Amino acid sequence: MVKLFSYGTLQFERVQLDTFGRILTGKSDCLKKYVLSQIKITDPDVIKSSGTDMHPILEYTGNESDFVEGTVFELTKEELIQADSYEVDDYKRNELVFASGDRAFVYLKR
């Protein structure tokens, strides 16, 4: 199993069902030194699943007082590849350390 931090639409049950075929389980966590901004999505399948063309995206600030809350989900390696397919080219996947001390993958601004 691998860990994936979601701060946006991958937390939606509909997106999880469309992307993974199941509802994920996870726990709350926090990523320090980042803030959320918004990007406009043009992929019609992603818009249909999420219900919106505006999606959050993480941006690094380096500021200790900045943080983003979300959920760390456990996925199979195959499901992580499915998550890669869901995320559009504006995102890149990286592995970071979270406030809990856990390491997890997360999608960041490219």
PDB file of N, CA and C in Angstrom:
ATOM      1  N   MET A   1       0.845  -1.192   0.000  1.00  0.00           N
ATOM      2  CA  MET A   1       0.000   0.000   0.000  1.00  0.00           C
ATOM      3  C   MET A   1       0.885   1.248   0.000  1.00  0.00           C
ATOM      4  N   VAL A   2       0.384   2.297  -0.628  1.00  0.00           N
ATOM      5  CA  VAL A   2       1.058   3.588  -0.643  1.00  0.00           C
ATOM      6  C   VAL A   2       0.107   4.618  -0.055  1.00  0.00           C
ATOM      7  N   LYS A   3       0.669   5.739   0.394  1.00  0.00           N
ATOM      8  CA  LYS A   3      -0.143   6.801   0.983  1.00  0.00           C
ATOM      9  C   LYS A   3      -0.211   7.976   0.015  1.00  0.00           C
ATOM     10  N   LEU A   4      -1.409   8.567  -0.078  1.00  0.00           N
ATOM     11  CA  LEU A   4      -1.651   9.725  -0.936  1.00  0.00           C
ATOM     12  C   LEU A   4      -2.421  10.772  -0.152  1.00  0.00           C
ATOM     13  N   PHE A   5      -1.883  11.986  -0.100  1.00  0.00           N
ATOM     14  CA  PHE A   5      -2.535  13.109   0.575  1.00  0.00           C
ATOM     15  C   PHE A   5      -3.434  13.822  -0.418  1.00  0.00           C
ATOM     16  N   SER A   6      -4.689  13.990  -0.045  1.00  0.00           N
ATOM     17  CA  SER A   6      -5.637  14.742  -0.864  1.00  0.00           C
ATOM     18  C   SER A   6      -6.115  15.966  -0.100  1.00  0.00           C
ATOM     19  N   TYR A   7      -6.110  17.086  -0.785  1.00  0.00           N
ATOM     20  CA  TYR A   7      -6.587  18.356  -0.233  1.00  0.00           C
ATOM     21  C   TYR A   7      -7.722  18.910  -1.079  1.00  0.00           C
ATOM     22  N   GLY A   8      -8.165  18.137  -2.060  1.00  0.00           N
ATOM     23  CA  GLY A   8      -9.166  18.636  -2.998  1.00  0.00           C
ATOM     24  C   GLY A   8     -10.162  17.580  -3.410  1.00  0.00           C
ATOM     25  N   THR A   9     -10.374  17.475  -4.730  1.00  0.00           N
ATOM     26  CA  THR A   9     -11.488  16.681  -5.253  1.00  0.00           C
ATOM     27  C   THR A   9     -11.340  15.177  -5.051  1.00  0.00           C
ATOM     28  N   LEU A  10     -10.131  14.681  -4.827  1.00  0.00           N
ATOM     29  CA  LEU A  10      -9.997  13.244  -4.546  1.00  0.00           C
ATOM     30  C   LEU A  10     -10.600  12.860  -3.198  1.00  0.00           C
ATOM     31  N   GLN A  11     -11.024  13.857  -2.421  1.00  0.00           N
ATOM     32  CA  GLN A  11     -11.731  13.573  -1.174  1.00  0.00           C
ATOM     33  C   GLN A  11     -13.228  13.341  -1.416  1.00  0.00           C
ATOM     34  N   PHE A  12     -13.719  13.705  -2.609  1.00  0.00           N
ATOM     35  CA  PHE A  12     -15.142  13.547  -2.932  1.00  0.00           C
ATOM     36  C   PHE A  12     -15.450  12.073  -3.203  1.00  0.00           C
ATOM     37  N   GLU A  13     -16.510  11.552  -2.608  1.00  0.00           N
ATOM     38  CA  GLU A  13     -16.877  10.154  -2.806  1.00  0.00           C
ATOM     39  C   GLU A  13     -17.131   9.840  -4.277  1.00  0.00           C
ATOM     40  N   ARG A  14     -17.783  10.757  -4.981  1.00  0.00           N
ATOM     41  CA  ARG A  14     -18.077  10.521  -6.402  1.00  0.00           C
ATOM     42  C   ARG A  14     -16.783  10.373  -7.203  1.00  0.00           C
ATOM     43  N   VAL A  15     -15.794  11.217  -6.923  1.00  0.00           N
ATOM     44  CA  VAL A  15     -14.513  11.140  -7.623  1.00  0.00           C
ATOM     45  C   VAL A  15     -13.807   9.831  -7.271  1.00  0.00           C
ATOM     46  N   GLN A  16     -13.866   9.421  -6.006  1.00  0.00           N
ATOM     47  CA  GLN A  16     -13.247   8.159  -5.599  1.00  0.00           C
ATOM     48  C   GLN A  16     -13.896   6.976  -6.317  1.00  0.00           C
ATOM     49  N   LEU A  17     -15.212   6.972  -6.384  1.00  0.00           N
ATOM     50  CA  LEU A  17     -15.903   5.880  -7.072  1.00  0.00           C
ATOM     51  C   LEU A  17     -15.564   5.864  -8.559  1.00  0.00           C
ATOM     52  N   ASP A  18     -15.547   7.039  -9.201  1.00  0.00           N
ATOM     53  CA  ASP A  18     -15.218   7.127 -10.625  1.00  0.00           C
ATOM     54  C   ASP A  18     -13.771   6.730 -10.894  1.00  0.00           C
ATOM     55  N   THR A  19     -12.865   7.083  -9.979  1.00  0.00           N
ATOM     56  CA  THR A  19     -11.434   6.874 -10.204  1.00  0.00           C
ATOM     57  C   THR A  19     -10.965   5.500  -9.742  1.00  0.00           C
ATOM     58  N   PHE A  20     -11.452   5.052  -8.587  1.00  0.00           N
ATOM     59  CA  PHE A  20     -10.939   3.816  -7.974  1.00  0.00           C
ATOM     60  C   PHE A  20     -11.968   2.694  -7.885  1.00  0.00           C
ATOM     61  N   GLY A  21     -13.236   3.030  -8.075  1.00  0.00           N
ATOM     62  CA  GLY A  21     -14.286   2.022  -7.957  1.00  0.00           C
ATOM     63  C   GLY A  21     -14.637   1.687  -6.529  1.00  0.00           C
ATOM     64  N   ARG A  22     -14.175   2.506  -5.590  1.00  0.00           N
ATOM     65  CA  ARG A  22     -14.476   2.264  -4.167  1.00  0.00           C
ATOM     66  C   ARG A  22     -14.310   3.581  -3.403  1.00  0.00           C
ATOM     67  N   ILE A  23     -14.861   3.603  -2.184  1.00  0.00           N
ATOM     68  CA  ILE A  23     -14.674   4.726  -1.270  1.00  0.00           C
ATOM     69  C   ILE A  23     -13.411   4.459  -0.465  1.00  0.00           C
ATOM     70  N   LEU A  24     -12.518   5.428  -0.414  1.00  0.00           N
ATOM     71  CA  LEU A  24     -11.250   5.282   0.289  1.00  0.00           C
ATOM     72  C   LEU A  24     -11.407   5.557   1.780  1.00  0.00           C
ATOM     73  N   THR A  25     -10.513   5.010   2.567  1.00  0.00           N
ATOM     74  CA  THR A  25     -10.433   5.349   3.986  1.00  0.00           C
ATOM     75  C   THR A  25      -9.126   6.094   4.211  1.00  0.00           C
ATOM     76  N   GLY A  26      -9.154   7.034   5.152  1.00  0.00           N
ATOM     77  CA  GLY A  26      -7.957   7.815   5.402  1.00  0.00           C
ATOM     78  C   GLY A  26      -8.019   8.512   6.737  1.00  0.00           C
ATOM     79  N   LYS A  27      -6.978   9.315   6.979  1.00  0.00           N
ATOM     80  CA  LYS A  27      -6.928  10.085   8.223  1.00  0.00           C
ATOM     81  C   LYS A  27      -6.488  11.503   7.910  1.00  0.00           C
ATOM     82  N   SER A  28      -6.922  12.421   8.747  1.00  0.00           N
ATOM     83  CA  SER A  28      -6.580  13.828   8.573  1.00  0.00           C
ATOM     84  C   SER A  28      -5.098  14.058   8.798  1.00  0.00           C
ATOM     85  N   ASP A  29      -4.528  14.979   8.030  1.00  0.00           N
ATOM     86  CA  ASP A  29      -3.140  15.376   8.205  1.00  0.00           C
ATOM     87  C   ASP A  29      -2.994  16.786   7.650  1.00  0.00           C
ATOM     88  N   CYS A  30      -1.789  17.308   7.734  1.00  0.00           N
ATOM     89  CA  CYS A  30      -1.542  18.697   7.384  1.00  0.00           C
ATOM     90  C   CYS A  30      -0.185  18.809   6.716  1.00  0.00           C
ATOM     91  N   LEU A  31      -0.096  19.652   5.698  1.00  0.00           N
ATOM     92  CA  LEU A  31       1.160  19.915   5.003  1.00  0.00           C
ATOM     93  C   LEU A  31       1.562  21.356   5.270  1.00  0.00           C
ATOM     94  N   LYS A  32       2.720  21.525   5.912  1.00  0.00           N
ATOM     95  CA  LYS A  32       3.195  22.864   6.264  1.00  0.00           C
ATOM     96  C   LYS A  32       3.975  23.490   5.112  1.00  0.00           C
ATOM     97  N   LYS A  33       4.028  24.817   5.107  1.00  0.00           N
ATOM     98  CA  LYS A  33       4.780  25.633   4.144  1.00  0.00           C
ATOM     99  C   LYS A  33       4.158  25.646   2.755  1.00  0.00           C
ATOM    100  N   TYR A  34       2.869  25.335   2.668  1.00  0.00           N
ATOM    101  CA  TYR A  34       2.131  25.373   1.404  1.00  0.00           C
ATOM    102  C   TYR A  34       0.824  26.129   1.598  1.00  0.00           C
ATOM    103  N   VAL A  35       0.296  26.668   0.497  1.00  0.00           N
ATOM    104  CA  VAL A  35      -1.030  27.281   0.464  1.00  0.00           C
ATOM    105  C   VAL A  35      -1.769  26.721  -0.749  1.00  0.00           C
ATOM    106  N   LEU A  36      -3.077  26.930  -0.759  1.00  0.00           N
ATOM    107  CA  LEU A  36      -3.892  26.512  -1.891  1.00  0.00           C
ATOM    108  C   LEU A  36      -4.159  27.688  -2.814  1.00  0.00           C
ATOM    109  N   SER A  37      -4.101  27.433  -4.098  1.00  0.00           N
ATOM    110  CA  SER A  37      -4.609  28.366  -5.086  1.00  0.00           C
ATOM    111  C   SER A  37      -5.558  27.570  -5.982  1.00  0.00           C
ATOM    112  N   GLN A  38      -6.064  28.171  -7.020  1.00  0.00           N
ATOM    113  CA  GLN A  38      -7.043  27.525  -7.895  1.00  0.00           C
ATOM    114  C   GLN A  38      -6.519  27.478  -9.332  1.00  0.00           C
ATOM    115  N   ILE A  39      -6.891  26.406 -10.036  1.00  0.00           N
ATOM    116  CA  ILE A  39      -6.620  26.327 -11.469  1.00  0.00           C
ATOM    117  C   ILE A  39      -7.907  25.929 -12.179  1.00  0.00           C
ATOM    118  N   LYS A  40      -7.999  26.316 -13.440  1.00  0.00           N
ATOM    119  CA  LYS A  40      -9.149  25.952 -14.258  1.00  0.00           C
ATOM    120  C   LYS A  40      -8.815  24.665 -15.007  1.00  0.00           C
ATOM    121  N   ILE A  41      -9.671  23.665 -14.830  1.00  0.00           N
ATOM    122  CA  ILE A  41      -9.519  22.361 -15.462  1.00  0.00           C
ATOM    123  C   ILE A  41     -10.308  22.363 -16.774  1.00  0.00           C
ATOM    124  N   THR A  42      -9.739  21.763 -17.811  1.00  0.00           N
ATOM    125  CA  THR A  42     -10.443  21.682 -19.094  1.00  0.00           C
ATOM    126  C   THR A  42     -10.797  20.254 -19.485  1.00  0.00           C
ATOM    127  N   ASP A  43     -10.281  19.253 -18.773  1.00  0.00           N
ATOM    128  CA  ASP A  43     -10.566  17.850 -19.093  1.00  0.00           C
ATOM    129  C   ASP A  43     -12.034  17.554 -18.775  1.00  0.00           C
ATOM    130  N   PRO A  44     -12.845  17.217 -19.780  1.00  0.00           N
ATOM    131  CA  PRO A  44     -14.282  17.019 -19.532  1.00  0.00           C
ATOM    132  C   PRO A  44     -14.592  15.870 -18.579  1.00  0.00           C
ATOM    133  N   ASP A  45     -13.787  14.805 -18.583  1.00  0.00           N
ATOM    134  CA  ASP A  45     -14.033  13.685 -17.667  1.00  0.00           C
ATOM    135  C   ASP A  45     -13.791  14.090 -16.216  1.00  0.00           C
ATOM    136  N   VAL A  46     -12.743  14.872 -15.972  1.00  0.00           N
ATOM    137  CA  VAL A  46     -12.434  15.344 -14.624  1.00  0.00           C
ATOM    138  C   VAL A  46     -13.519  16.313 -14.152  1.00  0.00           C
ATOM    139  N   ILE A  47     -13.963  17.190 -15.039  1.00  0.00           N
ATOM    140  CA  ILE A  47     -15.028  18.145 -14.689  1.00  0.00           C
ATOM    141  C   ILE A  47     -16.320  17.388 -14.360  1.00  0.00           C
ATOM    142  N   LYS A  48     -16.644  16.388 -15.172  1.00  0.00           N
ATOM    143  CA  LYS A  48     -17.862  15.611 -14.931  1.00  0.00           C
ATOM    144  C   LYS A  48     -17.804  14.908 -13.574  1.00  0.00           C
ATOM    145  N   SER A  49     -16.667  14.288 -13.264  1.00  0.00           N
ATOM    146  CA  SER A  49     -16.533  13.544 -12.012  1.00  0.00           C
ATOM    147  C   SER A  49     -16.552  14.465 -10.797  1.00  0.00           C
ATOM    148  N   SER A  50     -15.831  15.580 -10.883  1.00  0.00           N
ATOM    149  CA  SER A  50     -15.716  16.492  -9.737  1.00  0.00           C
ATOM    150  C   SER A  50     -16.875  17.464  -9.631  1.00  0.00           C
ATOM    151  N   GLY A  51     -17.536  17.724 -10.753  1.00  0.00           N
ATOM    152  CA  GLY A  51     -18.646  18.671 -10.751  1.00  0.00           C
ATOM    153  C   GLY A  51     -18.220  20.122 -10.865  1.00  0.00           C
ATOM    154  N   THR A  52     -16.929  20.369 -11.146  1.00  0.00           N
ATOM    155  CA  THR A  52     -16.449  21.742 -11.245  1.00  0.00           C
ATOM    156  C   THR A  52     -15.224  21.813 -12.147  1.00  0.00           C
ATOM    157  N   ASP A  53     -15.034  22.983 -12.762  1.00  0.00           N
ATOM    158  CA  ASP A  53     -13.827  23.175 -13.571  1.00  0.00           C
ATOM    159  C   ASP A  53     -12.748  23.928 -12.799  1.00  0.00           C
ATOM    160  N   MET A  54     -13.037  24.354 -11.578  1.00  0.00           N
ATOM    161  CA  MET A  54     -12.051  25.027 -10.731  1.00  0.00           C
ATOM    162  C   MET A  54     -11.600  24.060  -9.642  1.00  0.00           C
ATOM    163  N   HIS A  55     -10.297  23.781  -9.621  1.00  0.00           N
ATOM    164  CA  HIS A  55      -9.737  22.816  -8.667  1.00  0.00           C
ATOM    165  C   HIS A  55      -8.626  23.473  -7.858  1.00  0.00           C
ATOM    166  N   PRO A  56      -8.471  23.035  -6.599  1.00  0.00           N
ATOM    167  CA  PRO A  56      -7.365  23.562  -5.792  1.00  0.00           C
ATOM    168  C   PRO A  56      -6.036  22.960  -6.250  1.00  0.00           C
ATOM    169  N   ILE A  57      -4.970  23.709  -6.012  1.00  0.00           N
ATOM    170  CA  ILE A  57      -3.625  23.224  -6.309  1.00  0.00           C
ATOM    171  C   ILE A  57      -2.677  23.785  -5.259  1.00  0.00           C
ATOM    172  N   LEU A  58      -1.718  22.979  -4.824  1.00  0.00           N
ATOM    173  CA  LEU A  58      -0.758  23.389  -3.792  1.00  0.00           C
ATOM    174  C   LEU A  58       0.366  24.218  -4.379  1.00  0.00           C
ATOM    175  N   GLU A  59       0.721  25.281  -3.641  1.00  0.00           N
ATOM    176  CA  GLU A  59       1.883  26.088  -3.996  1.00  0.00           C
ATOM    177  C   GLU A  59       2.777  26.227  -2.780  1.00  0.00           C
ATOM    178  N   TYR A  60       4.063  25.990  -2.987  1.00  0.00           N
ATOM    179  CA  TYR A  60       5.043  26.090  -1.912  1.00  0.00           C
ATOM    180  C   TYR A  60       5.319  27.555  -1.594  1.00  0.00           C
ATOM    181  N   THR A  61       5.319  27.896  -0.278  1.00  0.00           N
ATOM    182  CA  THR A  61       5.650  29.250   0.156  1.00  0.00           C
ATOM    183  C   THR A  61       6.925  29.281   0.989  1.00  0.00           C
ATOM    184  N   GLY A  62       7.218  28.185   1.693  1.00  0.00           N
ATOM    185  CA  GLY A  62       8.346  28.146   2.614  1.00  0.00           C
ATOM    186  C   GLY A  62       8.057  28.801   3.945  1.00  0.00           C
ATOM    187  N   ASN A  63       6.883  29.379   4.092  1.00  0.00           N
ATOM    188  CA  ASN A  63       6.489  30.086   5.305  1.00  0.00           C
ATOM    189  C   ASN A  63       5.934  29.085   6.329  1.00  0.00           C
ATOM    190  N   GLU A  64       6.553  29.036   7.503  1.00  0.00           N
ATOM    191  CA  GLU A  64       6.148  28.094   8.562  1.00  0.00           C
ATOM    192  C   GLU A  64       4.689  28.257   8.995  1.00  0.00           C
ATOM    193  N   SER A  65       4.132  29.455   8.845  1.00  0.00           N
ATOM    194  CA  SER A  65       2.758  29.674   9.290  1.00  0.00           C
ATOM    195  C   SER A  65       1.724  29.225   8.252  1.00  0.00           C
ATOM    196  N   ASP A  66       2.155  28.898   7.040  1.00  0.00           N
ATOM    197  CA  ASP A  66       1.235  28.416   6.006  1.00  0.00           C
ATOM    198  C   ASP A  66       1.048  26.908   6.139  1.00  0.00           C
ATOM    199  N   PHE A  67      -0.165  26.443   5.902  1.00  0.00           N
ATOM    200  CA  PHE A  67      -0.439  25.007   5.940  1.00  0.00           C
ATOM    201  C   PHE A  67      -1.717  24.695   5.168  1.00  0.00           C
ATOM    202  N   VAL A  68      -1.815  23.452   4.758  1.00  0.00           N
ATOM    203  CA  VAL A  68      -3.001  22.958   4.064  1.00  0.00           C
ATOM    204  C   VAL A  68      -3.426  21.664   4.744  1.00  0.00           C
ATOM    205  N   GLU A  69      -4.703  21.594   5.102  1.00  0.00           N
ATOM    206  CA  GLU A  69      -5.256  20.391   5.715  1.00  0.00           C
ATOM    207  C   GLU A  69      -5.868  19.504   4.647  1.00  0.00           C
ATOM    208  N   GLY A  70      -5.853  18.209   4.907  1.00  0.00           N
ATOM    209  CA  GLY A  70      -6.438  17.260   3.974  1.00  0.00           C
ATOM    210  C   GLY A  70      -6.499  15.879   4.585  1.00  0.00           C
ATOM    211  N   THR A  71      -6.542  14.875   3.730  1.00  0.00           N
ATOM    212  CA  THR A  71      -6.677  13.491   4.158  1.00  0.00           C
ATOM    213  C   THR A  71      -5.614  12.633   3.495  1.00  0.00           C
ATOM    214  N   VAL A  72      -4.972  11.780   4.288  1.00  0.00           N
ATOM    215  CA  VAL A  72      -4.027  10.799   3.755  1.00  0.00           C
ATOM    216  C   VAL A  72      -4.784   9.483   3.580  1.00  0.00           C
ATOM    217  N   PHE A  73      -4.840   9.039   2.319  1.00  0.00           N
ATOM    218  CA  PHE A  73      -5.512   7.787   1.978  1.00  0.00           C
ATOM    219  C   PHE A  73      -4.484   6.703   1.706  1.00  0.00           C
ATOM    220  N   GLU A  74      -4.860   5.456   1.980  1.00  0.00           N
ATOM    221  CA  GLU A  74      -4.024   4.318   1.603  1.00  0.00           C
ATOM    222  C   GLU A  74      -4.568   3.744   0.302  1.00  0.00           C
ATOM    223  N   LEU A  75      -3.688   3.602  -0.677  1.00  0.00           N
ATOM    224  CA  LEU A  75      -4.036   3.102  -1.998  1.00  0.00           C
ATOM    225  C   LEU A  75      -3.112   1.954  -2.375  1.00  0.00           C
ATOM    226  N   THR A  76      -3.561   1.155  -3.308  1.00  0.00           N
ATOM    227  CA  THR A  76      -2.653   0.192  -3.925  1.00  0.00           C
ATOM    228  C   THR A  76      -1.794   0.947  -4.937  1.00  0.00           C
ATOM    229  N   LYS A  77      -0.723   0.322  -5.384  1.00  0.00           N
ATOM    230  CA  LYS A  77       0.118   0.947  -6.412  1.00  0.00           C
ATOM    231  C   LYS A  77      -0.674   1.160  -7.702  1.00  0.00           C
ATOM    232  N   GLU A  78      -1.565   0.232  -8.012  1.00  0.00           N
ATOM    233  CA  GLU A  78      -2.408   0.369  -9.202  1.00  0.00           C
ATOM    234  C   GLU A  78      -3.347   1.570  -9.062  1.00  0.00           C
ATOM    235  N   GLU A  79      -3.892   1.772  -7.865  1.00  0.00           N
ATOM    236  CA  GLU A  79      -4.781   2.918  -7.635  1.00  0.00           C
ATOM    237  C   GLU A  79      -4.009   4.235  -7.719  1.00  0.00           C
ATOM    238  N   LEU A  80      -2.747   4.240  -7.304  1.00  0.00           N
ATOM    239  CA  LEU A  80      -1.933   5.453  -7.435  1.00  0.00           C
ATOM    240  C   LEU A  80      -1.775   5.818  -8.909  1.00  0.00           C
ATOM    241  N   ILE A  81      -1.615   4.833  -9.753  1.00  0.00           N
ATOM    242  CA  ILE A  81      -1.534   5.087 -11.199  1.00  0.00           C
ATOM    243  C   ILE A  81      -2.872   5.617 -11.714  1.00  0.00           C
ATOM    244  N   GLN A  82      -3.978   5.111 -11.169  1.00  0.00           N
ATOM    245  CA  GLN A  82      -5.303   5.626 -11.536  1.00  0.00           C
ATOM    246  C   GLN A  82      -5.444   7.088 -11.101  1.00  0.00           C
ATOM    247  N   ALA A  83      -4.914   7.432  -9.928  1.00  0.00           N
ATOM    248  CA  ALA A  83      -4.944   8.824  -9.465  1.00  0.00           C
ATOM    249  C   ALA A  83      -4.113   9.706 -10.396  1.00  0.00           C
ATOM    250  N   ASP A  84      -2.972   9.197 -10.855  1.00  0.00           N
ATOM    251  CA  ASP A  84      -2.159   9.941 -11.820  1.00  0.00           C
ATOM    252  C   ASP A  84      -2.963  10.257 -13.079  1.00  0.00           C
ATOM    253  N   SER A  85      -3.768   9.308 -13.517  1.00  0.00           N
ATOM    254  CA  SER A  85      -4.579   9.506 -14.721  1.00  0.00           C
ATOM    255  C   SER A  85      -5.675  10.539 -14.498  1.00  0.00           C
ATOM    256  N   TYR A  86      -6.190  10.615 -13.275  1.00  0.00           N
ATOM    257  CA  TYR A  86      -7.236  11.592 -12.948  1.00  0.00           C
ATOM    258  C   TYR A  86      -6.671  13.007 -12.941  1.00  0.00           C
ATOM    259  N   GLU A  87      -5.484  13.183 -12.389  1.00  0.00           N
ATOM    260  CA  GLU A  87      -4.896  14.516 -12.272  1.00  0.00           C
ATOM    261  C   GLU A  87      -4.417  15.003 -13.640  1.00  0.00           C
ATOM    262  N   VAL A  88      -4.666  16.278 -13.922  1.00  0.00           N
ATOM    263  CA  VAL A  88      -4.286  16.850 -15.219  1.00  0.00           C
ATOM    264  C   VAL A  88      -2.820  17.270 -15.200  1.00  0.00           C
ATOM    265  N   ASP A  89      -2.315  17.698 -16.341  1.00  0.00           N
ATOM    266  CA  ASP A  89      -0.886  18.006 -16.509  1.00  0.00           C
ATOM    267  C   ASP A  89      -0.387  19.176 -15.672  1.00  0.00           C
ATOM    268  N   ASP A  90      -1.285  19.961 -15.083  1.00  0.00           N
ATOM    269  CA  ASP A  90      -0.863  21.081 -14.226  1.00  0.00           C
ATOM    270  C   ASP A  90      -0.276  20.587 -12.902  1.00  0.00           C
ATOM    271  N   TYR A  91      -0.512  19.321 -12.587  1.00  0.00           N
ATOM    272  CA  TYR A  91      -0.070  18.736 -11.324  1.00  0.00           C
ATOM    273  C   TYR A  91       1.119  17.807 -11.547  1.00  0.00           C
ATOM    274  N   LYS A  92       2.001  17.739 -10.555  1.00  0.00           N
ATOM    275  CA  LYS A  92       3.052  16.722 -10.532  1.00  0.00           C
ATOM    276  C   LYS A  92       2.979  16.030  -9.182  1.00  0.00           C
ATOM    277  N   ARG A  93       3.314  14.752  -9.172  1.00  0.00           N
ATOM    278  CA  ARG A  93       3.267  13.979  -7.928  1.00  0.00           C
ATOM    279  C   ARG A  93       4.646  13.970  -7.287  1.00  0.00           C
ATOM    280  N   ASN A  94       4.661  14.200  -5.967  1.00  0.00           N
ATOM    281  CA  ASN A  94       5.899  14.182  -5.205  1.00  0.00           C
ATOM    282  C   ASN A  94       5.609  13.534  -3.850  1.00  0.00           C
ATOM    283  N   GLU A  95       6.640  13.022  -3.202  1.00  0.00           N
ATOM    284  CA  GLU A  95       6.486  12.452  -1.862  1.00  0.00           C
ATOM    285  C   GLU A  95       7.051  13.439  -0.849  1.00  0.00           C
ATOM    286  N   LEU A  96       6.248  13.779   0.163  1.00  0.00           N
ATOM    287  CA  LEU A  96       6.637  14.756   1.178  1.00  0.00           C
ATOM    288  C   LEU A  96       6.361  14.207   2.571  1.00  0.00           C
ATOM    289  N   VAL A  97       6.885  14.897   3.581  1.00  0.00           N
ATOM    290  CA  VAL A  97       6.641  14.561   4.985  1.00  0.00           C
ATOM    291  C   VAL A  97       5.581  15.521   5.517  1.00  0.00           C
ATOM    292  N   PHE A  98       4.612  14.978   6.236  1.00  0.00           N
ATOM    293  CA  PHE A  98       3.482  15.750   6.728  1.00  0.00           C
ATOM    294  C   PHE A  98       3.625  16.043   8.219  1.00  0.00           C
ATOM    295  N   ALA A  99       2.715  16.848   8.751  1.00  0.00           N
ATOM    296  CA  ALA A  99       2.772  17.266  10.154  1.00  0.00           C
ATOM    297  C   ALA A  99       2.809  16.070  11.100  1.00  0.00           C
ATOM    298  N   SER A 100       2.172  14.975  10.723  1.00  0.00           N
ATOM    299  CA  SER A 100       2.153  13.759  11.545  1.00  0.00           C
ATOM    300  C   SER A 100       3.508  13.054  11.566  1.00  0.00           C
ATOM    301  N   GLY A 101       4.381  13.419  10.640  1.00  0.00           N
ATOM    302  CA  GLY A 101       5.647  12.718  10.466  1.00  0.00           C
ATOM    303  C   GLY A 101       5.582  11.643   9.399  1.00  0.00           C
ATOM    304  N   ASP A 102       4.369  11.341   8.922  1.00  0.00           N
ATOM    305  CA  ASP A 102       4.194  10.346   7.863  1.00  0.00           C
ATOM    306  C   ASP A 102       4.642  10.900   6.517  1.00  0.00           C
ATOM    307  N   ARG A 103       5.109  10.015   5.670  1.00  0.00           N
ATOM    308  CA  ARG A 103       5.428  10.347   4.286  1.00  0.00           C
ATOM    309  C   ARG A 103       4.249   9.921   3.421  1.00  0.00           C
ATOM    310  N   ALA A 104       3.913  10.763   2.435  1.00  0.00           N
ATOM    311  CA  ALA A 104       2.828  10.425   1.514  1.00  0.00           C
ATOM    312  C   ALA A 104       3.068  11.152   0.194  1.00  0.00           C
ATOM    313  N   PHE A 105       2.499  10.594  -0.857  1.00  0.00           N
ATOM    314  CA  PHE A 105       2.514  11.280  -2.136  1.00  0.00           C
ATOM    315  C   PHE A 105       1.488  12.399  -2.109  1.00  0.00           C
ATOM    316  N   VAL A 106       1.739  13.425  -2.913  1.00  0.00           N
ATOM    317  CA  VAL A 106       0.825  14.558  -3.018  1.00  0.00           C
ATOM    318  C   VAL A 106       1.001  15.173  -4.403  1.00  0.00           C
ATOM    319  N   TYR A 107      -0.074  15.755  -4.917  1.00  0.00           N
ATOM    320  CA  TYR A 107      -0.004  16.437  -6.207  1.00  0.00           C
ATOM    321  C   TYR A 107       0.212  17.928  -5.978  1.00  0.00           C
ATOM    322  N   LEU A 108       1.286  18.448  -6.577  1.00  0.00           N
ATOM    323  CA  LEU A 108       1.711  19.833  -6.422  1.00  0.00           C
ATOM    324  C   LEU A 108       1.611  20.570  -7.745  1.00  0.00           C
ATOM    325  N   LYS A 109       1.701  21.884  -7.684  1.00  0.00           N
ATOM    326  CA  LYS A 109       1.733  22.699  -8.893  1.00  0.00           C
ATOM    327  C   LYS A 109       3.004  22.392  -9.665  1.00  0.00           C
ATOM    328  N   ARG A 110       2.865  22.130 -10.949  1.00  0.00           N
ATOM    329  CA  ARG A 110       3.995  21.809 -11.815  1.00  0.00           C
ATOM    330  C   ARG A 110       4.853  23.022 -12.037  1.00  0.00           C
TER     331      ARG A 110
END
